Amino acid sequence: MPREDRAKQFAPYDALKGLSKALRMKEYEHEKVAKGDLDEETIMRLSNIISNLNKNDIIKVKYYLDGHYLTIQGKAIVEIEMQRLKLANKVIDFDDIKNIEIVDR
C-alpha cells in the first residue's frame, strides 16, 4: 500500500456528517442577545463623533447584528442622508451602533 493511502486511514473521521456544523449553529443561536437601548447622552456622544469624522480617521465600531454585538475597525465612509456607515465592506445603520472609538486620526 502506498504511503499516502496508509496515512489516510488515520485522518480524522466525521462519523456524523454535519453534526459539528449543527452544534456550532445551535451555539450561535443560543448566544443571541436582545438589542439594548442607548440613553440620550450616549446617542448625543455618538452623533457628535459621527459628524466630526474625517476622511482618513480609523475608527472601531461596536454594532448589533443578528442578535450579536460585533466589533469592526477601519476607515469609515459616513452617509449622513442614509444614516449609515460603510466600514470594511460592511454597512452599519446608525441605529445599530453601540459605541464608536477613534483609533487614529
Protein backbone atom coordinates (compact mmCIF):
# COMPACT_ATOMS: atom_id res chain seq x y z
CA MET A 1 0.00 0.00 0.00
CA PRO A 2 1.44 3.42 -0.94
CA ARG A 3 2.45 5.70 1.93
CA GLU A 4 -0.23 8.32 1.09
CA ASP A 5 -3.00 5.72 1.30
CA ARG A 6 -1.72 4.42 4.64
CA ALA A 7 -1.77 7.95 6.08
CA LYS A 8 -5.41 8.46 5.04
CA GLN A 9 -6.60 5.72 7.37
CA PHE A 10 -5.54 7.83 10.36
CA ALA A 11 -7.17 11.05 9.15
CA PRO A 12 -9.97 12.47 11.32
CA TYR A 13 -13.32 10.90 10.55
CA ASP A 14 -16.64 12.65 10.94
CA ALA A 15 -18.99 9.74 11.58
CA LEU A 16 -21.98 12.04 11.88
CA LYS A 17 -21.59 14.34 8.93
CA GLY A 18 -22.87 17.82 9.68
CA LEU A 19 -23.07 17.32 13.44
CA SER A 20 -20.26 19.76 14.23
CA LYS A 21 -21.84 22.39 11.96
CA ALA A 22 -25.25 21.87 13.57
CA LEU A 23 -23.72 22.22 17.04
CA ARG A 24 -21.98 25.47 16.04
CA MET A 25 -25.28 26.86 14.69
CA LYS A 26 -27.10 25.83 17.87
CA GLU A 27 -24.43 27.55 19.98
CA TYR A 28 -24.64 30.66 17.78
CA GLU A 29 -28.42 30.79 18.22
CA HIS A 30 -28.14 30.19 21.96
CA GLU A 31 -25.73 33.12 22.44
CA LYS A 32 -28.08 35.68 20.87
CA VAL A 33 -28.90 38.73 22.97
CA ALA A 34 -31.55 41.41 22.73
CA LYS A 35 -30.54 44.79 21.33
CA GLY A 36 -30.09 47.26 24.16
CA ASP A 37 -31.39 50.81 24.12
CA LEU A 38 -28.99 53.74 24.35
CA ASP A 39 -29.50 56.66 26.69
CA GLU A 40 -29.73 60.23 25.37
CA GLU A 41 -26.18 61.09 26.48
CA THR A 42 -24.70 58.17 24.55
CA ILE A 43 -26.77 58.99 21.47
CA MET A 44 -25.52 62.60 21.53
CA ARG A 45 -21.91 61.44 22.01
CA LEU A 46 -22.15 59.04 19.05
CA SER A 47 -23.83 61.69 16.91
CA ASN A 48 -21.04 64.14 17.72
CA ILE A 49 -18.33 61.61 16.84
CA ILE A 50 -20.03 60.68 13.56
CA SER A 51 -20.50 64.30 12.49
CA ASN A 52 -16.84 65.12 13.21
CA LEU A 53 -15.26 62.14 11.45
CA ASN A 54 -12.62 62.95 8.86
CA LYS A 55 -11.97 61.01 5.67
CA ASN A 56 -8.86 59.18 6.91
CA ASP A 57 -9.88 58.54 10.52
CA ILE A 58 -9.54 54.95 11.64
CA ILE A 59 -12.37 54.00 13.95
CA LYS A 60 -13.50 50.99 15.95
CA VAL A 61 -17.26 50.40 15.93
CA LYS A 62 -19.25 48.08 18.16
CA TYR A 63 -22.58 47.30 16.49
CA TYR A 64 -25.55 44.95 16.70
CA LEU A 65 -26.19 42.35 14.01
CA ASP A 66 -28.46 39.32 14.10
CA GLY A 67 -28.58 39.00 17.87
CA HIS A 68 -24.87 39.61 18.49
CA TYR A 69 -22.65 42.59 19.21
CA LEU A 70 -19.68 42.68 16.84
CA THR A 71 -16.66 44.97 16.67
CA ILE A 72 -15.01 46.12 13.46
CA GLN A 73 -12.15 48.54 12.77
CA GLY A 74 -11.12 50.54 9.73
CA LYS A 75 -11.73 53.70 7.72
CA ALA A 76 -15.39 54.60 7.51
CA ILE A 77 -17.46 56.33 4.89
CA VAL A 78 -20.28 58.26 6.53
CA GLU A 79 -23.57 58.53 4.65
CA ILE A 80 -25.50 61.06 6.73
CA GLU A 81 -28.55 61.16 4.45
CA MET A 82 -28.82 57.34 4.53
CA GLN A 83 -27.97 57.26 8.27
CA ARG A 84 -25.31 54.59 7.95
CA LEU A 85 -21.58 53.91 7.95
CA LYS A 86 -19.66 51.86 5.43
CA LEU A 87 -16.72 50.19 7.10
CA ALA A 88 -14.58 47.33 5.76
CA ASN A 89 -17.23 46.28 3.21
CA LYS A 90 -19.95 46.31 5.89
CA VAL A 91 -22.92 48.66 6.00
CA ILE A 92 -23.90 49.62 9.54
CA ASP A 93 -27.06 51.59 10.30
CA PHE A 94 -26.69 54.36 12.87
CA ASP A 95 -29.43 52.69 14.95
CA ASP A 96 -27.30 49.53 15.31
CA ILE A 97 -24.18 51.32 16.63
CA LYS A 98 -23.47 50.85 20.32
CA ASN A 99 -20.04 52.52 20.51
CA ILE A 100 -17.53 54.33 18.31
CA GLU A 101 -13.90 54.87 19.23
CA ILE A 102 -11.44 56.89 17.14
CA VAL A 103 -8.26 54.82 16.94
CA ASP A 104 -6.12 57.09 14.73
CA ARG A 105 -6.58 60.49 13.13
